[in-house]
Amino acid sequence: MMFGLSRSTQHRTQFEALLAPWLDPLYASALRLTRHEGNAQDLVQDTVMRAWRFFEKFEKGTNFRAWIFKILTNTFINSYRRNTRERSLQDESERQSVEARFFSSELTEQTQNPEAHLVDRLMSEDVIKAIDGLSIDFRMVVILADLQEFSYKEIAEILDIPVGTVMSRLFRGRKQLQKVLLAREELPASPAIDLNAFRERKKLA
């Protein structure tokens, strides 16, 4: 049976409406997690498939953004962090069906180059490279806090860790970023390397 044919049109429309605003942020975060465009695309597609399968369990009116980012991070941890071999999709026809159903041409064009649509508008290339160099535990927290602006509580729920651990990892991750950036001769020791400053500029953009 083809993916999704048993679901009502209304049910699918609700899912698409909730999903659409977050495809670009999901891809940008996936790219920072995987550090590879192809793997990031696969990670987002896998996330969408999992979200669709379990959409009936999503409690309507709750935080869909946090819910789907939890699926993204769990999928990354379970399927990508091991990095022992290339991940194979469950079924190629299912993948094509998901792409056709949930990725419009406009959204697909945006997610093909998330740097141009999201990250590059917020952070310099040096900051992006510094984030990519963080260990995965620190990187996930920094991505969720400073790129996606989740609260400590939301990050704790997404990653299933205590709030105190979130705060500790974020503090240490930011310290590592500052150390790396200060070490670059071309960057002065100025507030420009402070991720909080980038977040403030995003709010004003």
N, C-alpha and C. Protein backbone atom coordinates (compact mmCIF):
# COMPACT_ATOMS: atom_id res chain seq x y z
N MET A 1 0.85 -1.20 0.00
CA MET A 1 0.00 0.00 0.00
C MET A 1 0.88 1.23 0.00
N MET A 2 0.58 2.16 -0.86
CA MET A 2 1.39 3.37 -0.96
C MET A 2 1.26 4.19 0.30
N PHE A 3 2.36 4.88 0.61
CA PHE A 3 2.44 5.69 1.82
C PHE A 3 1.33 6.75 1.86
N GLY A 4 0.56 6.75 2.92
CA GLY A 4 -0.38 7.82 3.17
C GLY A 4 -1.74 7.67 2.51
N LEU A 5 -1.95 6.67 1.67
CA LEU A 5 -3.21 6.60 0.94
C LEU A 5 -4.39 6.31 1.87
N SER A 6 -4.13 5.71 3.02
CA SER A 6 -5.22 5.38 3.92
C SER A 6 -5.64 6.58 4.78
N ARG A 7 -4.86 7.64 4.77
CA ARG A 7 -5.18 8.83 5.56
C ARG A 7 -6.14 9.73 4.79
N SER A 8 -7.02 10.41 5.54
CA SER A 8 -7.96 11.31 4.91
C SER A 8 -7.24 12.54 4.40
N THR A 9 -7.85 13.17 3.40
CA THR A 9 -7.28 14.40 2.85
C THR A 9 -7.20 15.48 3.92
N GLN A 10 -8.20 15.55 4.77
CA GLN A 10 -8.20 16.55 5.84
C GLN A 10 -7.04 16.32 6.80
N HIS A 11 -6.82 15.07 7.15
CA HIS A 11 -5.74 14.71 8.06
C HIS A 11 -4.39 15.11 7.46
N ARG A 12 -4.20 14.81 6.18
CA ARG A 12 -2.95 15.15 5.51
C ARG A 12 -2.78 16.67 5.41
N THR A 13 -3.86 17.37 5.13
CA THR A 13 -3.80 18.82 5.02
C THR A 13 -3.38 19.45 6.34
N GLN A 14 -3.90 18.93 7.44
CA GLN A 14 -3.53 19.43 8.76
C GLN A 14 -2.03 19.22 9.01
N PHE A 15 -1.55 18.06 8.64
CA PHE A 15 -0.13 17.76 8.83
C PHE A 15 0.74 18.69 7.99
N GLU A 16 0.38 18.86 6.74
CA GLU A 16 1.15 19.73 5.84
C GLU A 16 1.18 21.17 6.34
N ALA A 17 0.04 21.64 6.85
CA ALA A 17 -0.03 23.01 7.34
C ALA A 17 0.86 23.22 8.55
N LEU A 18 0.92 22.24 9.43
CA LEU A 18 1.78 22.34 10.61
C LEU A 18 3.25 22.20 10.24
N LEU A 19 3.54 21.36 9.25
CA LEU A 19 4.92 21.07 8.86
C LEU A 19 5.58 22.19 8.07
N ALA A 20 4.83 22.79 7.14
CA ALA A 20 5.41 23.70 6.16
C ALA A 20 6.30 24.80 6.74
N PRO A 21 5.91 25.48 7.83
CA PRO A 21 6.76 26.57 8.34
C PRO A 21 8.10 26.11 8.89
N TRP A 22 8.23 24.81 9.17
CA TRP A 22 9.44 24.33 9.84
C TRP A 22 10.36 23.52 8.95
N LEU A 23 10.03 23.35 7.67
CA LEU A 23 10.92 22.59 6.80
C LEU A 23 12.28 23.26 6.66
N ASP A 24 12.28 24.55 6.47
CA ASP A 24 13.55 25.27 6.31
C ASP A 24 14.38 25.22 7.58
N PRO A 25 13.82 25.53 8.77
CA PRO A 25 14.59 25.39 10.00
C PRO A 25 15.04 23.95 10.27
N LEU A 26 14.20 22.98 9.95
CA LEU A 26 14.60 21.59 10.12
C LEU A 26 15.82 21.26 9.28
N TYR A 27 15.79 21.70 8.02
CA TYR A 27 16.92 21.41 7.13
C TYR A 27 18.18 22.12 7.59
N ALA A 28 18.05 23.37 8.00
CA ALA A 28 19.22 24.11 8.47
C ALA A 28 19.84 23.42 9.68
N SER A 29 19.00 22.96 10.60
CA SER A 29 19.51 22.26 11.77
C SER A 29 20.10 20.91 11.39
N ALA A 30 19.44 20.20 10.47
CA ALA A 30 19.96 18.91 10.02
C ALA A 30 21.33 19.07 9.36
N LEU A 31 21.51 20.15 8.62
CA LEU A 31 22.80 20.38 7.97
C LEU A 31 23.89 20.64 8.98
N ARG A 32 23.56 21.37 10.04
CA ARG A 32 24.56 21.61 11.09
C ARG A 32 24.85 20.33 11.87
N LEU A 33 23.86 19.46 12.01
CA LEU A 33 24.07 18.20 12.71
C LEU A 33 24.91 17.23 11.89
N THR A 34 24.53 17.06 10.62
CA THR A 34 25.19 16.06 9.78
C THR A 34 26.43 16.59 9.08
N ARG A 35 26.45 17.92 8.85
CA ARG A 35 27.55 18.58 8.14
C ARG A 35 27.72 18.05 6.71
N HIS A 36 26.60 17.61 6.14
CA HIS A 36 26.63 17.06 4.79
C HIS A 36 25.25 17.27 4.16
N GLU A 37 25.19 17.90 2.98
CA GLU A 37 23.92 18.26 2.39
C GLU A 37 23.03 17.05 2.11
N GLY A 38 23.61 16.02 1.52
CA GLY A 38 22.82 14.84 1.20
C GLY A 38 22.27 14.16 2.44
N ASN A 39 23.11 14.02 3.47
CA ASN A 39 22.66 13.42 4.72
C ASN A 39 21.62 14.27 5.41
N ALA A 40 21.76 15.60 5.29
CA ALA A 40 20.78 16.50 5.89
C ALA A 40 19.42 16.33 5.21
N GLN A 41 19.42 16.21 3.88
CA GLN A 41 18.16 16.00 3.16
C GLN A 41 17.52 14.69 3.58
N ASP A 42 18.34 13.62 3.69
CA ASP A 42 17.81 12.33 4.12
C ASP A 42 17.25 12.41 5.54
N LEU A 43 17.95 13.13 6.41
CA LEU A 43 17.51 13.26 7.80
C LEU A 43 16.16 13.95 7.88
N VAL A 44 15.99 15.02 7.11
CA VAL A 44 14.70 15.72 7.11
C VAL A 44 13.61 14.84 6.54
N GLN A 45 13.89 14.15 5.47
CA GLN A 45 12.89 13.27 4.86
C GLN A 45 12.49 12.15 5.81
N ASP A 46 13.48 11.58 6.49
CA ASP A 46 13.20 10.53 7.46
C ASP A 46 12.37 11.08 8.61
N THR A 47 12.70 12.30 9.04
CA THR A 47 11.94 12.95 10.10
C THR A 47 10.49 13.15 9.70
N VAL A 48 10.27 13.61 8.46
CA VAL A 48 8.91 13.84 7.97
C VAL A 48 8.14 12.52 7.92
N MET A 49 8.77 11.47 7.44
CA MET A 49 8.10 10.17 7.37
C MET A 49 7.70 9.67 8.75
N ARG A 50 8.63 9.83 9.72
CA ARG A 50 8.32 9.38 11.09
C ARG A 50 7.21 10.23 11.70
N ALA A 51 7.28 11.53 11.46
CA ALA A 51 6.26 12.42 12.00
C ALA A 51 4.89 12.08 11.42
N TRP A 52 4.84 11.78 10.13
CA TRP A 52 3.58 11.42 9.49
C TRP A 52 3.03 10.11 10.06
N ARG A 53 3.90 9.15 10.25
CA ARG A 53 3.45 7.86 10.79
C ARG A 53 2.84 8.00 12.18
N PHE A 54 3.43 8.90 12.98
CA PHE A 54 2.99 9.04 14.36
C PHE A 54 2.13 10.29 14.58
N PHE A 55 1.66 10.89 13.50
CA PHE A 55 0.92 12.14 13.63
C PHE A 55 -0.36 11.96 14.45
N GLU A 56 -0.97 10.79 14.39
CA GLU A 56 -2.18 10.55 15.16
C GLU A 56 -1.92 10.63 16.66
N LYS A 57 -0.65 10.43 17.06
CA LYS A 57 -0.31 10.51 18.48
C LYS A 57 0.03 11.93 18.91
N PHE A 58 0.17 12.83 17.94
CA PHE A 58 0.45 14.23 18.29
C PHE A 58 -0.80 14.85 18.90
N GLU A 59 -0.63 15.48 20.05
CA GLU A 59 -1.75 16.11 20.74
C GLU A 59 -2.04 17.46 20.12
N LYS A 60 -3.17 17.57 19.46
CA LYS A 60 -3.52 18.80 18.77
C LYS A 60 -3.52 19.99 19.73
N GLY A 61 -2.97 21.09 19.27
CA GLY A 61 -2.91 22.30 20.08
C GLY A 61 -1.66 22.44 20.90
N THR A 62 -0.81 21.39 20.93
CA THR A 62 0.45 21.48 21.66
C THR A 62 1.55 21.95 20.72
N ASN A 63 2.76 21.95 21.19
CA ASN A 63 3.89 22.53 20.47
C ASN A 63 4.38 21.61 19.36
N PHE A 64 3.87 21.78 18.15
CA PHE A 64 4.28 20.94 17.03
C PHE A 64 5.75 21.14 16.71
N ARG A 65 6.22 22.37 16.78
CA ARG A 65 7.63 22.67 16.48
C ARG A 65 8.56 21.86 17.37
N ALA A 66 8.31 21.86 18.67
CA ALA A 66 9.15 21.09 19.58
C ALA A 66 9.00 19.59 19.31
N TRP A 67 7.79 19.17 18.98
CA TRP A 67 7.53 17.76 18.72
C TRP A 67 8.33 17.27 17.53
N ILE A 68 8.32 18.03 16.43
CA ILE A 68 9.01 17.54 15.23
C ILE A 68 10.52 17.69 15.36
N PHE A 69 10.99 18.69 16.11
CA PHE A 69 12.43 18.78 16.34
C PHE A 69 12.91 17.65 17.24
N LYS A 70 12.06 17.19 18.13
CA LYS A 70 12.41 16.02 18.94
C LYS A 70 12.57 14.79 18.05
N ILE A 71 11.67 14.65 17.07
CA ILE A 71 11.79 13.55 16.12
C ILE A 71 13.08 13.68 15.32
N LEU A 72 13.39 14.91 14.89
CA LEU A 72 14.63 15.14 14.13
C LEU A 72 15.85 14.73 14.94
N THR A 73 15.96 15.20 16.17
CA THR A 73 17.15 14.90 16.97
C THR A 73 17.21 13.42 17.34
N ASN A 74 16.07 12.82 17.66
CA ASN A 74 16.08 11.39 17.97
C ASN A 74 16.48 10.56 16.76
N THR A 75 15.98 10.96 15.59
CA THR A 75 16.34 10.26 14.36
C THR A 75 17.83 10.39 14.09
N PHE A 76 18.36 11.58 14.31
CA PHE A 76 19.80 11.78 14.11
C PHE A 76 20.60 10.92 15.08
N ILE A 77 20.23 10.96 16.35
CA ILE A 77 20.97 10.19 17.35
C ILE A 77 20.92 8.71 17.05
N ASN A 78 19.74 8.21 16.71
CA ASN A 78 19.56 6.77 16.50
C ASN A 78 20.15 6.28 15.19
N SER A 79 20.05 7.09 14.13
CA SER A 79 20.40 6.60 12.80
C SER A 79 21.68 7.17 12.22
N TYR A 80 22.10 8.34 12.70
CA TYR A 80 23.23 9.01 12.08
C TYR A 80 24.46 9.07 12.97
N ARG A 81 24.26 9.18 14.28
CA ARG A 81 25.40 9.38 15.17
C ARG A 81 26.33 8.18 15.15
N ARG A 82 25.78 6.98 14.97
CA ARG A 82 26.62 5.79 14.91
C ARG A 82 27.64 5.90 13.77
N ASN A 83 27.17 6.37 12.63
CA ASN A 83 28.05 6.63 11.49
C ASN A 83 28.91 5.42 11.12
N THR A 84 28.32 4.24 11.21
CA THR A 84 29.07 3.05 10.85
C THR A 84 28.90 2.68 9.38
N ARG A 85 27.82 3.17 8.79
CA ARG A 85 27.60 2.92 7.37
C ARG A 85 26.55 3.89 6.88
N GLU A 86 26.41 3.99 5.59
CA GLU A 86 25.41 4.86 5.00
C GLU A 86 24.02 4.35 5.35
N ARG A 87 23.16 5.26 5.74
CA ARG A 87 21.79 4.87 6.06
C ARG A 87 21.02 4.60 4.78
N SER A 88 20.31 3.47 4.72
CA SER A 88 19.46 3.17 3.57
C SER A 88 18.02 3.49 3.90
N LEU A 89 17.30 4.06 2.95
CA LEU A 89 15.89 4.35 3.15
C LEU A 89 15.10 3.05 3.16
N GLN A 90 13.98 3.05 3.86
CA GLN A 90 13.19 1.83 3.97
C GLN A 90 12.65 1.39 2.62
N ASP A 91 12.27 2.34 1.81
CA ASP A 91 11.72 2.01 0.50
C ASP A 91 11.82 3.22 -0.40
N GLU A 92 12.45 3.06 -1.57
CA GLU A 92 12.67 4.21 -2.45
C GLU A 92 11.36 4.81 -2.94
N SER A 93 10.38 3.97 -3.22
CA SER A 93 9.10 4.51 -3.68
C SER A 93 8.43 5.31 -2.58
N GLU A 94 8.60 4.90 -1.34
CA GLU A 94 8.04 5.64 -0.21
C GLU A 94 8.70 7.01 -0.11
N ARG A 95 10.01 7.05 -0.31
CA ARG A 95 10.71 8.32 -0.27
C ARG A 95 10.20 9.27 -1.36
N GLN A 96 10.03 8.76 -2.56
CA GLN A 96 9.54 9.60 -3.64
C GLN A 96 8.14 10.11 -3.35
N SER A 97 7.32 9.25 -2.73
CA SER A 97 5.96 9.66 -2.38
C SER A 97 5.98 10.78 -1.36
N VAL A 98 6.87 10.67 -0.36
CA VAL A 98 6.98 11.71 0.66
C VAL A 98 7.42 13.02 0.04
N GLU A 99 8.42 12.96 -0.83
CA GLU A 99 8.91 14.18 -1.47
C GLU A 99 7.80 14.86 -2.26
N ALA A 100 7.06 14.06 -3.01
CA ALA A 100 6.00 14.63 -3.84
C ALA A 100 4.86 15.19 -3.01
N ARG A 101 4.60 14.57 -1.86
CA ARG A 101 3.43 14.94 -1.06
C ARG A 101 3.70 16.13 -0.16
N PHE A 102 4.90 16.19 0.42
CA PHE A 102 5.15 17.17 1.47
C PHE A 102 6.18 18.24 1.12
N PHE A 103 6.85 18.14 -0.01
CA PHE A 103 7.86 19.12 -0.38
C PHE A 103 7.44 19.82 -1.66
N SER A 104 6.84 21.00 -1.51
CA SER A 104 6.46 21.78 -2.69
C SER A 104 7.71 22.27 -3.38
N SER A 105 7.59 22.70 -4.64
CA SER A 105 8.76 23.18 -5.37
C SER A 105 9.38 24.39 -4.69
N GLU A 106 8.54 25.26 -4.14
CA GLU A 106 9.07 26.46 -3.47
C GLU A 106 9.84 26.10 -2.22
N LEU A 107 9.26 25.21 -1.39
CA LEU A 107 9.93 24.82 -0.17
C LEU A 107 11.18 24.00 -0.46
N THR A 108 11.11 23.14 -1.49
CA THR A 108 12.28 22.35 -1.84
C THR A 108 13.41 23.25 -2.30
N GLU A 109 13.10 24.28 -3.06
CA GLU A 109 14.13 25.21 -3.52
C GLU A 109 14.80 25.89 -2.33
N GLN A 110 14.01 26.24 -1.32
CA GLN A 110 14.58 26.89 -0.13
C GLN A 110 15.47 25.93 0.64
N THR A 111 15.00 24.68 0.81
CA THR A 111 15.76 23.75 1.62
C THR A 111 17.00 23.23 0.91
N GLN A 112 17.09 23.40 -0.40
CA GLN A 112 18.31 23.01 -1.10
C GLN A 112 19.48 23.89 -0.69
N ASN A 113 19.20 25.10 -0.25
CA ASN A 113 20.26 26.02 0.15
C ASN A 113 19.86 26.77 1.40
N PRO A 114 19.77 26.06 2.54
CA PRO A 114 19.31 26.70 3.76
C PRO A 114 20.23 27.79 4.23
N GLU A 115 21.52 27.70 3.89
CA GLU A 115 22.45 28.76 4.31
C GLU A 115 21.99 30.10 3.75
N ALA A 116 21.56 30.11 2.50
CA ALA A 116 21.16 31.36 1.87
C ALA A 116 19.86 31.88 2.45
N HIS A 117 19.00 30.98 2.91
CA HIS A 117 17.68 31.38 3.37
C HIS A 117 17.61 31.60 4.88
N LEU A 118 18.54 31.03 5.64
CA LEU A 118 18.42 31.12 7.08
C LEU A 118 19.74 31.40 7.78
N VAL A 119 20.64 30.44 7.79
CA VAL A 119 21.80 30.52 8.65
C VAL A 119 22.74 31.65 8.27
N ASP A 120 23.02 31.82 6.98
CA ASP A 120 23.96 32.86 6.57
C ASP A 120 23.45 34.25 6.89
N ARG A 121 22.13 34.40 7.04
CA ARG A 121 21.60 35.70 7.38
C ARG A 121 21.81 36.01 8.86
N LEU A 122 22.10 34.99 9.64
CA LEU A 122 22.20 35.17 11.09
C LEU A 122 23.63 35.12 11.59
N MET A 123 24.47 34.32 10.96
CA MET A 123 25.80 34.07 11.48
C MET A 123 26.84 34.13 10.38
N SER A 124 28.03 34.48 10.77
CA SER A 124 29.13 34.51 9.82
C SER A 124 29.59 33.09 9.52
N GLU A 125 30.35 32.95 8.45
CA GLU A 125 30.89 31.64 8.08
C GLU A 125 31.77 31.08 9.19
N ASP A 126 32.50 31.96 9.88
CA ASP A 126 33.37 31.50 10.96
C ASP A 126 32.57 30.90 12.11
N VAL A 127 31.43 31.51 12.44
CA VAL A 127 30.61 30.99 13.52
C VAL A 127 30.03 29.63 13.12
N ILE A 128 29.57 29.53 11.87
CA ILE A 128 29.01 28.26 11.39
C ILE A 128 30.06 27.16 11.46
N LYS A 129 31.28 27.45 11.01
CA LYS A 129 32.35 26.46 11.07
C LYS A 129 32.68 26.08 12.50
N ALA A 130 32.64 27.07 13.39
CA ALA A 130 32.92 26.79 14.79
C ALA A 130 31.85 25.88 15.39
N ILE A 131 30.59 26.12 15.05
CA ILE A 131 29.52 25.26 15.52
C ILE A 131 29.72 23.84 15.01
N ASP A 132 30.08 23.71 13.73
CA ASP A 132 30.30 22.39 13.15
C ASP A 132 31.42 21.63 13.86
N GLY A 133 32.35 22.37 14.48
CA GLY A 133 33.47 21.74 15.15
C GLY A 133 33.19 21.29 16.57
N LEU A 134 32.03 21.64 17.10
CA LEU A 134 31.67 21.23 18.46
C LEU A 134 31.38 19.73 18.52
N SER A 135 31.60 19.14 19.67
CA SER A 135 31.18 17.76 19.86
C SER A 135 29.66 17.70 19.75
N ILE A 136 29.13 16.54 19.41
CA ILE A 136 27.73 16.45 19.05
C ILE A 136 26.81 16.86 20.19
N ASP A 137 27.13 16.52 21.44
CA ASP A 137 26.26 16.87 22.56
C ASP A 137 26.15 18.38 22.71
N PHE A 138 27.27 19.08 22.59
CA PHE A 138 27.26 20.54 22.68
C PHE A 138 26.60 21.15 21.44
N ARG A 139 26.89 20.55 20.29
CA ARG A 139 26.37 21.11 19.04
C ARG A 139 24.85 21.07 19.00
N MET A 140 24.26 19.97 19.44
CA MET A 140 22.81 19.87 19.42
C MET A 140 22.17 20.95 20.28
N VAL A 141 22.73 21.19 21.47
CA VAL A 141 22.16 22.19 22.36
C VAL A 141 22.33 23.59 21.78
N VAL A 142 23.50 23.88 21.24
CA VAL A 142 23.73 25.20 20.65
C VAL A 142 22.81 25.43 19.46
N ILE A 143 22.63 24.43 18.62
CA ILE A 143 21.74 24.55 17.47
C ILE A 143 20.32 24.86 17.92
N LEU A 144 19.83 24.10 18.90
CA LEU A 144 18.46 24.28 19.36
C LEU A 144 18.28 25.61 20.08
N ALA A 145 19.29 26.04 20.82
CA ALA A 145 19.16 27.29 21.59
C ALA A 145 19.43 28.52 20.75
N ASP A 146 20.51 28.51 20.00
CA ASP A 146 20.96 29.74 19.34
C ASP A 146 20.53 29.86 17.89
N LEU A 147 20.30 28.75 17.22
CA LEU A 147 19.78 28.82 15.86
C LEU A 147 18.26 28.79 15.84
N GLN A 148 17.68 27.92 16.68
CA GLN A 148 16.22 27.74 16.66
C GLN A 148 15.52 28.42 17.83
N GLU A 149 16.27 28.90 18.81
CA GLU A 149 15.75 29.70 19.92
C GLU A 149 14.70 28.96 20.75
N PHE A 150 14.92 27.68 20.98
CA PHE A 150 14.10 26.95 21.93
C PHE A 150 14.48 27.36 23.34
N SER A 151 13.54 27.27 24.26
CA SER A 151 13.83 27.55 25.67
C SER A 151 14.59 26.38 26.28
N TYR A 152 15.17 26.60 27.46
CA TYR A 152 15.86 25.52 28.17
C TYR A 152 14.91 24.34 28.39
N LYS A 153 13.68 24.64 28.79
CA LYS A 153 12.71 23.59 29.07
C LYS A 153 12.39 22.80 27.80
N GLU A 154 12.19 23.51 26.69
CA GLU A 154 11.88 22.83 25.43
C GLU A 154 13.04 21.95 24.99
N ILE A 155 14.27 22.46 25.12
CA ILE A 155 15.45 21.67 24.74
C ILE A 155 15.56 20.42 25.61
N ALA A 156 15.28 20.59 26.90
CA ALA A 156 15.33 19.44 27.81
C ALA A 156 14.33 18.37 27.38
N GLU A 157 13.13 18.81 26.96
CA GLU A 157 12.12 17.86 26.52
C GLU A 157 12.50 17.23 25.18
N ILE A 158 13.07 18.02 24.28
CA ILE A 158 13.46 17.50 22.97
C ILE A 158 14.56 16.46 23.10
N LEU A 159 15.56 16.74 23.93
CA LEU A 159 16.72 15.85 24.06
C LEU A 159 16.58 14.85 25.20
N ASP A 160 15.49 15.00 25.99
CA ASP A 160 15.23 14.10 27.11
C ASP A 160 16.38 14.11 28.12
N ILE A 161 16.79 15.32 28.50
CA ILE A 161 17.83 15.51 29.49
C ILE A 161 17.37 16.57 30.48
N PRO A 162 17.97 16.64 31.68
CA PRO A 162 17.55 17.65 32.65
C PRO A 162 17.86 19.07 32.17
N VAL A 163 17.08 20.04 32.65
CA VAL A 163 17.32 21.43 32.29
C VAL A 163 18.72 21.86 32.69
N GLY A 164 19.17 21.39 33.84
CA GLY A 164 20.52 21.73 34.29
C GLY A 164 21.59 21.27 33.32
N THR A 165 21.37 20.11 32.72
CA THR A 165 22.32 19.59 31.73
C THR A 165 22.30 20.45 30.48
N VAL A 166 21.11 20.90 30.09
CA VAL A 166 20.99 21.80 28.94
C VAL A 166 21.80 23.07 29.20
N MET A 167 21.63 23.66 30.36
CA MET A 167 22.32 24.91 30.69
C MET A 167 23.83 24.71 30.72
N SER A 168 24.26 23.60 31.29
CA SER A 168 25.69 23.31 31.37
C SER A 168 26.30 23.11 29.98
N ARG A 169 25.63 22.32 29.14
CA ARG A 169 26.15 22.07 27.80
C ARG A 169 26.15 23.34 26.95
N LEU A 170 25.11 24.14 27.11
CA LEU A 170 25.04 25.38 26.35
C LEU A 170 26.15 26.33 26.78
N PHE A 171 26.38 26.44 28.07
CA PHE A 171 27.44 27.31 28.58
C PHE A 171 28.80 26.85 28.06
N ARG A 172 29.06 25.54 28.16
CA ARG A 172 30.35 25.01 27.72
C ARG A 172 30.49 25.09 26.20
N GLY A 173 29.39 24.84 25.49
CA GLY A 173 29.43 24.94 24.04
C GLY A 173 29.73 26.35 23.57
N ARG A 174 29.10 27.33 24.19
CA ARG A 174 29.35 28.72 23.83
C ARG A 174 30.77 29.13 24.18
N LYS A 175 31.27 28.63 25.30
CA LYS A 175 32.66 28.92 25.68
C LYS A 175 33.63 28.38 24.65
N GLN A 176 33.36 27.17 24.17
CA GLN A 176 34.22 26.58 23.14
C GLN A 176 34.15 27.39 21.85
N LEU A 177 32.95 27.85 21.49
CA LEU A 177 32.82 28.68 20.30
C LEU A 177 33.63 29.96 20.43
N GLN A 178 33.53 30.60 21.58
CA GLN A 178 34.28 31.84 21.79
C GLN A 178 35.78 31.61 21.72
N LYS A 179 36.21 30.49 22.29
CA LYS A 179 37.64 30.17 22.26
C LYS A 179 38.13 29.97 20.84
N VAL A 180 37.36 29.24 20.04
CA VAL A 180 37.74 28.99 18.64
C VAL A 180 37.77 30.28 17.85
N LEU A 181 36.74 31.10 18.02
CA LEU A 181 36.64 32.33 17.25
C LEU A 181 37.69 33.35 17.65
N LEU A 182 37.99 33.42 18.93
CA LEU A 182 39.03 34.35 19.39
C LEU A 182 40.40 33.94 18.87
N ALA A 183 40.56 32.64 18.62
CA ALA A 183 41.84 32.16 18.13
C ALA A 183 42.07 32.51 16.67
N ARG A 184 41.02 32.91 15.97
CA ARG A 184 41.16 33.27 14.56
C ARG A 184 41.72 34.69 14.47
N GLU A 185 42.83 34.83 13.82
CA GLU A 185 43.51 36.11 13.78
C GLU A 185 42.68 37.20 13.11
N GLU A 186 41.82 36.80 12.16
CA GLU A 186 41.07 37.80 11.43
C GLU A 186 39.90 38.35 12.21
N LEU A 187 39.54 37.69 13.35
CA LEU A 187 38.42 38.17 14.13
C LEU A 187 38.90 38.87 15.39
N PRO A 188 38.48 40.11 15.64
CA PRO A 188 38.84 40.79 16.88
C PRO A 188 38.05 40.25 18.05
N ALA A 189 38.56 40.46 19.24
CA ALA A 189 37.85 40.06 20.44
C ALA A 189 36.77 41.09 20.73
N SER A 190 35.61 40.90 20.11
CA SER A 190 34.53 41.86 20.22
C SER A 190 33.22 41.14 20.41
N PRO A 191 32.14 41.86 20.76
CA PRO A 191 30.84 41.22 20.94
C PRO A 191 30.32 40.54 19.69
N ALA A 192 30.98 40.73 18.54
CA ALA A 192 30.51 40.12 17.29
C ALA A 192 30.53 38.61 17.36
N ILE A 193 31.34 38.04 18.28
CA ILE A 193 31.40 36.59 18.37
C ILE A 193 30.41 36.04 19.38
N ASP A 194 29.67 36.93 20.04
CA ASP A 194 28.71 36.51 21.04
C ASP A 194 27.43 36.04 20.35
N LEU A 195 27.05 34.77 20.56
CA LEU A 195 25.87 34.25 19.91
C LEU A 195 24.60 34.95 20.37
N ASN A 196 24.63 35.50 21.57
CA ASN A 196 23.47 36.27 22.02
C ASN A 196 23.25 37.49 21.12
N ALA A 197 24.35 38.07 20.66
CA ALA A 197 24.24 39.22 19.77
C ALA A 197 23.61 38.81 18.44
N PHE A 198 23.96 37.60 17.96
CA PHE A 198 23.36 37.13 16.72
C PHE A 198 21.86 36.91 16.90
N ARG A 199 21.47 36.41 18.07
CA ARG A 199 20.07 36.19 18.33
C ARG A 199 19.30 37.50 18.38
N GLU A 200 19.91 38.52 18.96
CA GLU A 200 19.25 39.82 19.02
C GLU A 200 19.07 40.41 17.62
N ARG A 201 20.10 40.22 16.78
CA ARG A 201 19.99 40.73 15.42
C ARG A 201 18.89 39.99 14.65
N LYS A 202 18.73 38.72 14.96
CA LYS A 202 17.67 37.94 14.29
C LYS A 202 16.30 38.49 14.66
N LYS A 203 16.12 38.85 15.93
CA LYS A 203 14.82 39.36 16.37
C LYS A 203 14.49 40.67 15.68
N LEU A 204 15.53 41.46 15.38
CA LEU A 204 15.32 42.76 14.75
C LEU A 204 15.18 42.66 13.24
N ALA A 205 15.59 41.49 12.67
CA ALA A 205 15.57 41.33 11.21
C ALA A 205 14.14 41.25 10.69
